[in-house]
Amino acid sequence: MAAQLVVHVGLSGMATTVTLEKCGHNVGYRGLDNCRFCPGSHCCVEGGPECIDSVIDMDAVCKRVSALGLDVAVTISKDAGRYLCDFTYYTSLYQSHGRSAFVHVPPLGKPYSAEQLGRALQAIIEEMLHVLERSESNINCHNEH
């Protein structure tokens, strides 16, 4: 069975690296979006868990992509910012039972070109799929015994 994974990519004006987000957060949303909206409950899913981790081992993905020698720095984060990106990530993680990923990228040219970011994102997504397939092979192997 092919692994199913949702990968979101968001721009962060503060980012200087390509950043793999480990988890999404449910509460603490206070900033207004471009349509001047913020949920009255200040959360994504009322009654949902405080934090949801991706099923993808982001540390392993970061380590393996960094070892490829691409000219792009890849780092890990546990806080996607309690704004649109974090809201999107948490909601996706909630609906996909953790089968989502979120990658923050810096603005074009600060410091990476579109070509550099494209190559890095391709490598990251390919590695995420490999990590997911390996983890599911291990789960299926253990379940057969």
C-alpha atoms as a PDB file:
ATOM      1  CA  MET A   1       0.000   0.000   0.000  1.00  0.00           C
ATOM      2  CA  ALA A   2       1.373   3.442  -0.882  1.00  0.00           C
ATOM      3  CA  ALA A   3       1.888   5.769   2.047  1.00  0.00           C
ATOM      4  CA  GLN A   4      -0.556   8.651   2.217  1.00  0.00           C
ATOM      5  CA  LEU A   5       0.777  11.902   3.576  1.00  0.00           C
ATOM      6  CA  VAL A   6      -0.309  15.537   3.453  1.00  0.00           C
ATOM      7  CA  VAL A   7       2.592  18.003   3.273  1.00  0.00           C
ATOM      8  CA  HIS A   8       1.989  21.712   3.836  1.00  0.00           C
ATOM      9  CA  VAL A   9       4.542  24.399   3.031  1.00  0.00           C
ATOM     10  CA  GLY A  10       4.331  27.846   4.585  1.00  0.00           C
ATOM     11  CA  LEU A  11       6.349  31.028   4.349  1.00  0.00           C
ATOM     12  CA  SER A  12       7.949  32.420   7.476  1.00  0.00           C
ATOM     13  CA  GLY A  13       9.458  35.879   7.266  1.00  0.00           C
ATOM     14  CA  MET A  14      11.558  35.023  10.326  1.00  0.00           C
ATOM     15  CA  ALA A  15      12.954  31.748   8.962  1.00  0.00           C
ATOM     16  CA  THR A  16      16.520  31.562   7.671  1.00  0.00           C
ATOM     17  CA  THR A  17      16.454  27.776   7.244  1.00  0.00           C
ATOM     18  CA  VAL A  18      14.009  25.225   5.870  1.00  0.00           C
ATOM     19  CA  THR A  19      12.228  24.177   9.060  1.00  0.00           C
ATOM     20  CA  LEU A  20      10.462  20.863   9.696  1.00  0.00           C
ATOM     21  CA  GLU A  21       7.631  21.303  12.194  1.00  0.00           C
ATOM     22  CA  LYS A  22       7.230  18.373  14.599  1.00  0.00           C
ATOM     23  CA  CYS A  23       3.763  19.173  15.971  1.00  0.00           C
ATOM     24  CA  GLY A  24       0.696  21.357  15.781  1.00  0.00           C
ATOM     25  CA  HIS A  25      -0.900  23.195  18.717  1.00  0.00           C
ATOM     26  CA  ASN A  26      -4.592  23.499  19.494  1.00  0.00           C
ATOM     27  CA  VAL A  27      -4.820  26.577  21.732  1.00  0.00           C
ATOM     28  CA  GLY A  28      -3.401  30.073  21.982  1.00  0.00           C
ATOM     29  CA  TYR A  29      -4.603  31.605  18.706  1.00  0.00           C
ATOM     30  CA  ARG A  30      -5.096  35.339  19.179  1.00  0.00           C
ATOM     31  CA  GLY A  31      -3.838  36.982  15.959  1.00  0.00           C
ATOM     32  CA  LEU A  32      -6.290  38.031  13.264  1.00  0.00           C
ATOM     33  CA  ASP A  33      -5.838  36.582   9.772  1.00  0.00           C
ATOM     34  CA  ASN A  34      -6.023  38.627   6.558  1.00  0.00           C
ATOM     35  CA  CYS A  35      -9.831  38.557   6.718  1.00  0.00           C
ATOM     36  CA  ARG A  36      -9.669  39.896  10.307  1.00  0.00           C
ATOM     37  CA  PHE A  37     -10.849  36.529  11.702  1.00  0.00           C
ATOM     38  CA  CYS A  38      -9.725  34.702  14.810  1.00  0.00           C
ATOM     39  CA  PRO A  39     -11.682  31.804  16.342  1.00  0.00           C
ATOM     40  CA  GLY A  40     -13.593  32.985  19.395  1.00  0.00           C
ATOM     41  CA  SER A  41     -12.441  29.898  21.301  1.00  0.00           C
ATOM     42  CA  HIS A  42      -8.797  30.712  20.404  1.00  0.00           C
ATOM     43  CA  CYS A  43      -8.371  27.054  19.446  1.00  0.00           C
ATOM     44  CA  CYS A  44      -8.482  24.845  16.352  1.00  0.00           C
ATOM     45  CA  VAL A  45     -10.655  21.986  17.599  1.00  0.00           C
ATOM     46  CA  GLU A  46     -12.656  22.450  20.785  1.00  0.00           C
ATOM     47  CA  GLY A  47     -11.914  19.517  23.079  1.00  0.00           C
ATOM     48  CA  GLY A  48      -9.019  18.362  20.903  1.00  0.00           C
ATOM     49  CA  PRO A  49      -5.633  17.416  22.348  1.00  0.00           C
ATOM     50  CA  GLU A  50      -3.306  20.301  23.250  1.00  0.00           C
ATOM     51  CA  CYS A  51      -0.647  19.138  20.789  1.00  0.00           C
ATOM     52  CA  ILE A  52      -0.533  16.545  17.992  1.00  0.00           C
ATOM     53  CA  ASP A  53       2.763  15.141  16.736  1.00  0.00           C
ATOM     54  CA  SER A  54       3.287  14.106  13.146  1.00  0.00           C
ATOM     55  CA  VAL A  55       3.750  10.365  12.646  1.00  0.00           C
ATOM     56  CA  ILE A  56       6.840  11.332  10.628  1.00  0.00           C
ATOM     57  CA  ASP A  57      10.116  11.237  12.582  1.00  0.00           C
ATOM     58  CA  MET A  58      11.240  14.768  11.708  1.00  0.00           C
ATOM     59  CA  ASP A  59      14.604  14.304  13.447  1.00  0.00           C
ATOM     60  CA  ALA A  60      15.393  11.375  11.139  1.00  0.00           C
ATOM     61  CA  VAL A  61      14.219  13.320   8.066  1.00  0.00           C
ATOM     62  CA  CYS A  62      16.329  16.347   9.058  1.00  0.00           C
ATOM     63  CA  LYS A  63      19.427  14.220   9.673  1.00  0.00           C
ATOM     64  CA  ARG A  64      19.107  12.301   6.403  1.00  0.00           C
ATOM     65  CA  VAL A  65      18.360  15.346   4.222  1.00  0.00           C
ATOM     66  CA  SER A  66      21.196  17.302   5.847  1.00  0.00           C
ATOM     67  CA  ALA A  67      23.549  14.422   5.000  1.00  0.00           C
ATOM     68  CA  LEU A  68      22.700  14.761   1.295  1.00  0.00           C
ATOM     69  CA  GLY A  69      24.955  17.798   1.045  1.00  0.00           C
ATOM     70  CA  LEU A  70      22.324  20.130  -0.422  1.00  0.00           C
ATOM     71  CA  ASP A  71      23.248  23.792  -0.082  1.00  0.00           C
ATOM     72  CA  VAL A  72      20.227  24.418   2.161  1.00  0.00           C
ATOM     73  CA  ALA A  73      20.171  24.250   5.957  1.00  0.00           C
ATOM     74  CA  VAL A  74      17.338  22.110   7.399  1.00  0.00           C
ATOM     75  CA  THR A  75      16.285  22.447  11.040  1.00  0.00           C
ATOM     76  CA  ILE A  76      13.547  21.247  13.421  1.00  0.00           C
ATOM     77  CA  SER A  77      10.897  23.225  15.293  1.00  0.00           C
ATOM     78  CA  LYS A  78       8.238  22.381  17.864  1.00  0.00           C
ATOM     79  CA  ASP A  79       6.302  25.644  17.428  1.00  0.00           C
ATOM     80  CA  ALA A  80       4.744  26.600  14.103  1.00  0.00           C
ATOM     81  CA  GLY A  81       3.695  29.979  15.506  1.00  0.00           C
ATOM     82  CA  ARG A  82       0.046  29.919  16.675  1.00  0.00           C
ATOM     83  CA  TYR A  83      -1.075  31.608  13.472  1.00  0.00           C
ATOM     84  CA  LEU A  84      -2.353  30.376  10.109  1.00  0.00           C
ATOM     85  CA  CYS A  85       0.444  27.825   9.603  1.00  0.00           C
ATOM     86  CA  ASP A  86       0.059  26.235  13.043  1.00  0.00           C
ATOM     87  CA  PHE A  87      -3.748  26.312  12.714  1.00  0.00           C
ATOM     88  CA  THR A  88      -3.543  24.584   9.327  1.00  0.00           C
ATOM     89  CA  TYR A  89      -1.023  22.030  10.605  1.00  0.00           C
ATOM     90  CA  TYR A  90      -2.970  21.133  13.739  1.00  0.00           C
ATOM     91  CA  THR A  91      -6.237  20.804  11.824  1.00  0.00           C
ATOM     92  CA  SER A  92      -4.532  18.621   9.219  1.00  0.00           C
ATOM     93  CA  LEU A  93      -2.868  16.450  11.883  1.00  0.00           C
ATOM     94  CA  TYR A  94      -6.223  16.083  13.663  1.00  0.00           C
ATOM     95  CA  GLN A  95      -8.070  15.057  10.505  1.00  0.00           C
ATOM     96  CA  SER A  96      -5.298  12.794   9.156  1.00  0.00           C
ATOM     97  CA  HIS A  97      -4.524  11.094  12.501  1.00  0.00           C
ATOM     98  CA  GLY A  98      -0.985  12.498  12.418  1.00  0.00           C
ATOM     99  CA  ARG A  99      -0.295  11.724   8.753  1.00  0.00           C
ATOM    100  CA  SER A 100       0.642  15.311   7.938  1.00  0.00           C
ATOM    101  CA  ALA A 101       3.800  17.361   7.780  1.00  0.00           C
ATOM    102  CA  PHE A 102       4.517  21.076   7.723  1.00  0.00           C
ATOM    103  CA  VAL A 103       7.625  22.738   6.318  1.00  0.00           C
ATOM    104  CA  HIS A 104       8.376  26.412   6.870  1.00  0.00           C
ATOM    105  CA  VAL A 105      10.521  28.101   4.234  1.00  0.00           C
ATOM    106  CA  PRO A 106      12.198  31.523   4.282  1.00  0.00           C
ATOM    107  CA  PRO A 107      11.269  34.204   1.732  1.00  0.00           C
ATOM    108  CA  LEU A 108      12.802  33.746  -1.719  1.00  0.00           C
ATOM    109  CA  GLY A 109      16.345  35.025  -1.890  1.00  0.00           C
ATOM    110  CA  LYS A 110      16.637  35.243   1.908  1.00  0.00           C
ATOM    111  CA  PRO A 111      18.896  33.306   1.574  1.00  0.00           C
ATOM    112  CA  TYR A 112      17.753  30.581  -0.867  1.00  0.00           C
ATOM    113  CA  SER A 113      16.669  30.689  -4.511  1.00  0.00           C
ATOM    114  CA  ALA A 114      13.487  29.029  -5.763  1.00  0.00           C
ATOM    115  CA  GLU A 115      15.634  26.294  -7.313  1.00  0.00           C
ATOM    116  CA  GLN A 116      17.417  25.597  -4.021  1.00  0.00           C
ATOM    117  CA  LEU A 117      14.129  25.505  -2.092  1.00  0.00           C
ATOM    118  CA  GLY A 118      12.546  23.274  -4.729  1.00  0.00           C
ATOM    119  CA  ARG A 119      15.393  20.756  -4.538  1.00  0.00           C
ATOM    120  CA  ALA A 120      15.310  20.799  -0.731  1.00  0.00           C
ATOM    121  CA  LEU A 121      11.522  20.325  -0.598  1.00  0.00           C
ATOM    122  CA  GLN A 122      11.699  17.453  -3.071  1.00  0.00           C
ATOM    123  CA  ALA A 123      14.376  15.726  -0.989  1.00  0.00           C
ATOM    124  CA  ILE A 124      12.438  16.353   2.243  1.00  0.00           C
ATOM    125  CA  ILE A 125       9.164  14.954   0.872  1.00  0.00           C
ATOM    126  CA  GLU A 126      10.913  11.910  -0.619  1.00  0.00           C
ATOM    127  CA  GLU A 127      12.607  11.252   2.726  1.00  0.00           C
ATOM    128  CA  MET A 128       9.330  11.712   4.634  1.00  0.00           C
ATOM    129  CA  LEU A 129       7.739   9.072   2.423  1.00  0.00           C
ATOM    130  CA  HIS A 130      10.698   6.706   2.959  1.00  0.00           C
ATOM    131  CA  VAL A 131      10.527   7.203   6.745  1.00  0.00           C
ATOM    132  CA  LEU A 132       6.757   6.627   6.704  1.00  0.00           C
ATOM    133  CA  GLU A 133       7.075   3.471   4.577  1.00  0.00           C
ATOM    134  CA  ARG A 134       9.829   2.078   6.838  1.00  0.00           C
ATOM    135  CA  SER A 135       7.848   2.748  10.005  1.00  0.00           C
ATOM    136  CA  GLU A 136       4.740   1.115   8.533  1.00  0.00           C
ATOM    137  CA  SER A 137       6.778  -1.921   7.390  1.00  0.00           C
ATOM    138  CA  ASN A 138       8.020  -2.295  10.969  1.00  0.00           C
ATOM    139  CA  ILE A 139       4.481  -1.987  12.365  1.00  0.00           C
ATOM    140  CA  ASN A 140       3.140  -4.575   9.886  1.00  0.00           C
ATOM    141  CA  CYS A 141       6.075  -6.912  10.618  1.00  0.00           C
ATOM    142  CA  HIS A 142       5.441  -6.742  14.383  1.00  0.00           C
ATOM    143  CA  ASN A 143       1.688  -7.224  13.950  1.00  0.00           C
ATOM    144  CA  GLU A 144       2.207 -10.480  12.047  1.00  0.00           C
ATOM    145  CA  HIS A 145       3.847 -12.174  15.034  1.00  0.00           C
END
